[in-house]
Amino acid sequence: MFIAYFGSPYNEKVLEGHYPNLWTQINDVKSLLDQYGFSWDDTKQMVVASHHVWDVYIKAHPEEHFQGKKALMNFNDLCFIHAHTTADGGYSLSSHDIDFDDDIQ
């Protein structure tokens, strides 16, 4: 049904295999956009910055293998889709939040 609806030649297993890579790309772009000097270009569908900003960032983060100068299509849509799957601790509880007396009753 998926292939017929979307016209995609890929099955569920292939798409599941691409998910971790896509998730990494989204997080990399979000991380860059949190840095000074980086912005999102909707026309190019990629992170943009001056050559100086890129050089400083790459020197400060040599261990990262981010492919920041490549397009990431539909980034805003992907952020919207994944916005509710980010673990932010908003619904977490600690043992201090639980009233054990209420559980016993």
N, C-alpha and C. Protein backbone atom coordinates (compact mmCIF):
# COMPACT_ATOMS: atom_id res chain seq x y z
N MET A 1 0.83 -1.19 0.00
CA MET A 1 0.00 0.00 0.00
C MET A 1 0.87 1.26 0.00
N PHE A 2 1.96 1.22 0.75
CA PHE A 2 2.87 2.36 0.82
C PHE A 2 3.43 2.69 -0.56
N ILE A 3 3.93 1.67 -1.24
CA ILE A 3 4.52 1.86 -2.57
C ILE A 3 3.48 2.40 -3.55
N ALA A 4 2.26 1.86 -3.48
CA ALA A 4 1.21 2.32 -4.38
C ALA A 4 0.81 3.76 -4.07
N TYR A 5 0.73 4.11 -2.80
CA TYR A 5 0.28 5.45 -2.42
C TYR A 5 1.32 6.52 -2.74
N PHE A 6 2.59 6.26 -2.39
CA PHE A 6 3.64 7.26 -2.56
C PHE A 6 4.41 7.11 -3.86
N GLY A 7 4.23 6.00 -4.54
CA GLY A 7 4.96 5.78 -5.78
C GLY A 7 6.44 5.56 -5.54
N SER A 8 6.78 5.09 -4.36
CA SER A 8 8.17 4.87 -3.99
C SER A 8 8.55 3.41 -4.23
N PRO A 9 9.74 3.18 -4.77
CA PRO A 9 10.17 1.80 -4.98
C PRO A 9 10.74 1.16 -3.71
N TYR A 10 10.76 1.90 -2.60
CA TYR A 10 11.38 1.40 -1.38
C TYR A 10 10.34 0.80 -0.45
N ASN A 11 10.72 -0.28 0.20
CA ASN A 11 9.81 -0.89 1.17
C ASN A 11 10.12 -0.38 2.57
N GLU A 12 9.38 -0.89 3.54
CA GLU A 12 9.49 -0.43 4.92
C GLU A 12 10.90 -0.67 5.49
N LYS A 13 11.51 -1.77 5.19
CA LYS A 13 12.84 -2.10 5.72
C LYS A 13 13.90 -1.11 5.22
N VAL A 14 13.82 -0.75 3.96
CA VAL A 14 14.78 0.21 3.39
C VAL A 14 14.61 1.56 4.08
N LEU A 15 13.37 2.00 4.25
CA LEU A 15 13.13 3.30 4.89
C LEU A 15 13.57 3.29 6.36
N GLU A 16 13.34 2.18 7.05
CA GLU A 16 13.79 2.07 8.44
C GLU A 16 15.31 2.17 8.52
N GLY A 17 15.99 1.66 7.53
CA GLY A 17 17.44 1.74 7.50
C GLY A 17 17.96 3.16 7.32
N HIS A 18 17.19 4.00 6.66
CA HIS A 18 17.60 5.39 6.43
C HIS A 18 17.25 6.31 7.60
N TYR A 19 16.38 5.88 8.46
CA TYR A 19 15.90 6.72 9.56
C TYR A 19 17.03 7.21 10.48
N PRO A 20 17.94 6.33 10.95
CA PRO A 20 19.01 6.84 11.84
C PRO A 20 19.88 7.90 11.17
N ASN A 21 20.17 7.74 9.89
CA ASN A 21 20.97 8.72 9.17
C ASN A 21 20.23 10.06 9.08
N LEU A 22 18.96 10.01 8.79
CA LEU A 22 18.16 11.23 8.70
C LEU A 22 18.09 11.93 10.06
N TRP A 23 17.91 11.16 11.11
CA TRP A 23 17.84 11.71 12.46
C TRP A 23 19.15 12.41 12.82
N THR A 24 20.28 11.82 12.45
CA THR A 24 21.59 12.42 12.70
C THR A 24 21.73 13.73 11.94
N GLN A 25 21.29 13.74 10.69
CA GLN A 25 21.38 14.97 9.89
C GLN A 25 20.54 16.08 10.51
N ILE A 26 19.34 15.76 10.96
CA ILE A 26 18.47 16.77 11.59
C ILE A 26 19.14 17.34 12.83
N ASN A 27 19.68 16.48 13.67
CA ASN A 27 20.33 16.95 14.89
C ASN A 27 21.58 17.76 14.59
N ASP A 28 22.33 17.37 13.56
CA ASP A 28 23.51 18.14 13.18
C ASP A 28 23.13 19.55 12.72
N VAL A 29 22.09 19.64 11.93
CA VAL A 29 21.65 20.96 11.45
C VAL A 29 21.15 21.80 12.62
N LYS A 30 20.36 21.21 13.50
CA LYS A 30 19.88 21.95 14.67
C LYS A 30 21.04 22.46 15.52
N SER A 31 22.04 21.61 15.69
CA SER A 31 23.22 22.00 16.47
C SER A 31 23.95 23.16 15.83
N LEU A 32 24.13 23.12 14.52
CA LEU A 32 24.79 24.22 13.82
C LEU A 32 23.99 25.51 13.94
N LEU A 33 22.68 25.41 13.81
CA LEU A 33 21.85 26.61 13.86
C LEU A 33 21.86 27.26 15.24
N ASP A 34 22.25 26.50 16.26
CA ASP A 34 22.38 27.07 17.60
C ASP A 34 23.69 27.84 17.77
N GLN A 35 24.61 27.68 16.82
CA GLN A 35 25.91 28.35 16.88
C GLN A 35 25.82 29.74 16.24
N TYR A 36 26.64 30.63 16.73
CA TYR A 36 26.70 31.98 16.19
C TYR A 36 27.18 31.97 14.75
N GLY A 37 26.51 32.70 13.88
CA GLY A 37 26.96 32.88 12.51
C GLY A 37 26.33 31.94 11.50
N PHE A 38 25.59 30.93 11.97
CA PHE A 38 24.95 29.98 11.06
C PHE A 38 23.47 30.32 10.92
N SER A 39 22.93 30.11 9.73
CA SER A 39 21.50 30.32 9.51
C SER A 39 21.02 29.32 8.47
N TRP A 40 19.71 29.24 8.33
CA TRP A 40 19.10 28.33 7.38
C TRP A 40 18.67 29.09 6.14
N ASP A 41 19.02 28.58 4.98
CA ASP A 41 18.63 29.18 3.71
C ASP A 41 17.55 28.30 3.09
N ASP A 42 16.31 28.80 3.08
CA ASP A 42 15.18 28.03 2.55
C ASP A 42 15.31 27.75 1.06
N THR A 43 15.93 28.66 0.34
CA THR A 43 16.08 28.48 -1.10
C THR A 43 17.05 27.34 -1.41
N LYS A 44 18.18 27.33 -0.72
CA LYS A 44 19.19 26.29 -0.94
C LYS A 44 18.90 25.03 -0.13
N GLN A 45 18.01 25.13 0.86
CA GLN A 45 17.69 24.01 1.75
C GLN A 45 18.94 23.50 2.47
N MET A 46 19.72 24.46 3.01
CA MET A 46 20.94 24.08 3.71
C MET A 46 21.36 25.16 4.70
N VAL A 47 22.28 24.77 5.59
CA VAL A 47 22.86 25.71 6.54
C VAL A 47 23.87 26.56 5.78
N VAL A 48 23.86 27.86 6.06
CA VAL A 48 24.81 28.77 5.42
C VAL A 48 25.54 29.58 6.49
N ALA A 49 26.77 29.93 6.14
CA ALA A 49 27.59 30.78 6.99
C ALA A 49 28.76 31.28 6.14
N SER A 50 29.43 32.29 6.64
CA SER A 50 30.60 32.79 5.92
C SER A 50 31.73 31.76 6.00
N HIS A 51 32.69 31.89 5.09
CA HIS A 51 33.84 30.98 5.10
C HIS A 51 34.57 31.03 6.43
N HIS A 52 34.67 32.23 7.00
CA HIS A 52 35.35 32.39 8.28
C HIS A 52 34.64 31.61 9.39
N VAL A 53 33.32 31.70 9.43
CA VAL A 53 32.54 30.99 10.46
C VAL A 53 32.72 29.48 10.32
N TRP A 54 32.66 28.98 9.07
CA TRP A 54 32.88 27.55 8.84
C TRP A 54 34.27 27.13 9.30
N ASP A 55 35.28 27.90 8.95
CA ASP A 55 36.66 27.56 9.33
C ASP A 55 36.83 27.49 10.83
N VAL A 56 36.28 28.46 11.54
CA VAL A 56 36.38 28.48 13.00
C VAL A 56 35.66 27.27 13.59
N TYR A 57 34.49 26.97 13.07
CA TYR A 57 33.71 25.84 13.60
C TYR A 57 34.43 24.52 13.35
N ILE A 58 34.94 24.33 12.16
CA ILE A 58 35.62 23.07 11.82
C ILE A 58 36.89 22.90 12.64
N LYS A 59 37.62 23.98 12.88
CA LYS A 59 38.82 23.89 13.72
C LYS A 59 38.46 23.56 15.16
N ALA A 60 37.34 24.07 15.64
CA ALA A 60 36.92 23.81 17.02
C ALA A 60 36.29 22.43 17.19
N HIS A 61 35.81 21.83 16.10
CA HIS A 61 35.14 20.53 16.16
C HIS A 61 35.71 19.57 15.10
N PRO A 62 36.99 19.27 15.18
CA PRO A 62 37.59 18.43 14.13
C PRO A 62 37.08 16.99 14.14
N GLU A 63 36.54 16.54 15.26
CA GLU A 63 36.07 15.16 15.36
C GLU A 63 34.71 14.94 14.70
N GLU A 64 34.01 16.01 14.44
CA GLU A 64 32.69 15.88 13.82
C GLU A 64 32.83 15.63 12.32
N HIS A 65 31.98 14.78 11.83
CA HIS A 65 31.99 14.45 10.41
C HIS A 65 30.77 15.04 9.73
N PHE A 66 30.34 16.19 10.21
CA PHE A 66 29.13 16.80 9.68
C PHE A 66 29.32 17.25 8.24
N GLN A 67 28.34 16.93 7.43
CA GLN A 67 28.36 17.33 6.03
C GLN A 67 27.47 18.55 5.87
N GLY A 68 27.87 19.64 6.52
CA GLY A 68 27.02 20.81 6.61
C GLY A 68 26.79 21.58 5.33
N LYS A 69 27.58 21.33 4.33
CA LYS A 69 27.41 22.08 3.10
C LYS A 69 26.59 21.30 2.08
N LYS A 70 25.80 20.36 2.57
CA LYS A 70 24.90 19.60 1.71
C LYS A 70 23.46 19.97 2.05
N ALA A 71 22.61 19.88 1.06
CA ALA A 71 21.21 20.23 1.26
C ALA A 71 20.50 19.16 2.09
N LEU A 72 19.56 19.60 2.89
CA LEU A 72 18.68 18.70 3.65
C LEU A 72 17.26 19.14 3.32
N MET A 73 16.67 18.45 2.37
CA MET A 73 15.35 18.83 1.87
C MET A 73 14.30 18.74 2.96
N ASN A 74 13.38 19.70 2.97
CA ASN A 74 12.23 19.72 3.87
C ASN A 74 12.62 19.76 5.35
N PHE A 75 13.71 20.46 5.68
CA PHE A 75 14.17 20.51 7.06
C PHE A 75 13.10 21.02 8.01
N ASN A 76 12.40 22.08 7.64
CA ASN A 76 11.36 22.62 8.52
C ASN A 76 10.25 21.61 8.77
N ASP A 77 9.87 20.87 7.73
CA ASP A 77 8.86 19.82 7.90
C ASP A 77 9.38 18.71 8.80
N LEU A 78 10.64 18.35 8.62
CA LEU A 78 11.23 17.30 9.45
C LEU A 78 11.30 17.73 10.91
N CYS A 79 11.61 18.99 11.15
CA CYS A 79 11.62 19.50 12.53
C CYS A 79 10.23 19.42 13.14
N PHE A 80 9.23 19.76 12.35
CA PHE A 80 7.85 19.69 12.83
C PHE A 80 7.47 18.25 13.16
N ILE A 81 7.81 17.33 12.29
CA ILE A 81 7.49 15.92 12.49
C ILE A 81 8.19 15.37 13.73
N HIS A 82 9.46 15.72 13.90
CA HIS A 82 10.25 15.16 15.00
C HIS A 82 10.21 15.98 16.28
N ALA A 83 9.47 17.07 16.27
CA ALA A 83 9.46 17.96 17.44
C ALA A 83 8.99 17.26 18.70
N HIS A 84 8.08 16.33 18.57
CA HIS A 84 7.53 15.69 19.75
C HIS A 84 8.25 14.40 20.12
N THR A 85 9.32 14.06 19.40
CA THR A 85 10.05 12.84 19.72
C THR A 85 11.38 13.13 20.40
N THR A 86 11.67 14.40 20.67
CA THR A 86 12.92 14.76 21.32
C THR A 86 12.76 14.60 22.82
N ALA A 87 13.67 13.86 23.43
CA ALA A 87 13.63 13.66 24.88
C ALA A 87 14.14 14.92 25.56
N ASP A 88 13.24 15.60 26.26
CA ASP A 88 13.65 16.82 26.95
C ASP A 88 13.43 16.73 28.45
N GLY A 89 12.97 15.58 28.93
CA GLY A 89 12.75 15.40 30.36
C GLY A 89 11.48 16.04 30.85
N GLY A 90 10.65 16.55 29.98
CA GLY A 90 9.45 17.26 30.37
C GLY A 90 8.43 16.41 31.12
N TYR A 91 8.40 15.14 30.86
CA TYR A 91 7.42 14.27 31.51
C TYR A 91 8.08 13.28 32.46
N SER A 92 9.32 13.49 32.78
CA SER A 92 10.02 12.56 33.65
C SER A 92 9.64 12.79 35.10
N LEU A 93 9.74 11.75 35.89
CA LEU A 93 9.46 11.81 37.32
C LEU A 93 10.66 11.27 38.08
N SER A 94 10.90 11.82 39.23
CA SER A 94 11.91 11.26 40.11
C SER A 94 11.19 10.67 41.32
N SER A 95 11.94 10.00 42.17
CA SER A 95 11.32 9.41 43.36
C SER A 95 10.77 10.49 44.29
N HIS A 96 11.21 11.73 44.15
CA HIS A 96 10.71 12.84 44.96
C HIS A 96 9.33 13.31 44.49
N ASP A 97 8.96 12.95 43.26
CA ASP A 97 7.67 13.37 42.71
C ASP A 97 6.54 12.41 43.02
N ILE A 98 6.87 11.25 43.56
CA ILE A 98 5.86 10.22 43.78
C ILE A 98 5.50 10.18 45.25
N ASP A 99 4.20 10.16 45.54
CA ASP A 99 3.73 10.03 46.91
C ASP A 99 3.48 8.56 47.16
N PHE A 100 4.42 7.91 47.84
CA PHE A 100 4.33 6.46 48.03
C PHE A 100 3.15 6.09 48.93
N ASP A 101 2.72 6.98 49.82
CA ASP A 101 1.57 6.69 50.68
C ASP A 101 0.32 6.53 49.85
N ASP A 102 0.14 7.31 48.78
CA ASP A 102 -1.03 7.19 47.92
C ASP A 102 -1.05 5.86 47.18
N ASP A 103 0.12 5.36 46.80
CA ASP A 103 0.21 4.09 46.08
C ASP A 103 -0.16 2.91 46.98
N ILE A 104 0.19 3.01 48.23
CA ILE A 104 -0.11 1.92 49.16
C ILE A 104 -1.60 1.81 49.40
N GLN A 105 -2.30 2.92 49.49
CA GLN A 105 -3.74 2.89 49.72
C GLN A 105 -4.43 2.32 48.52
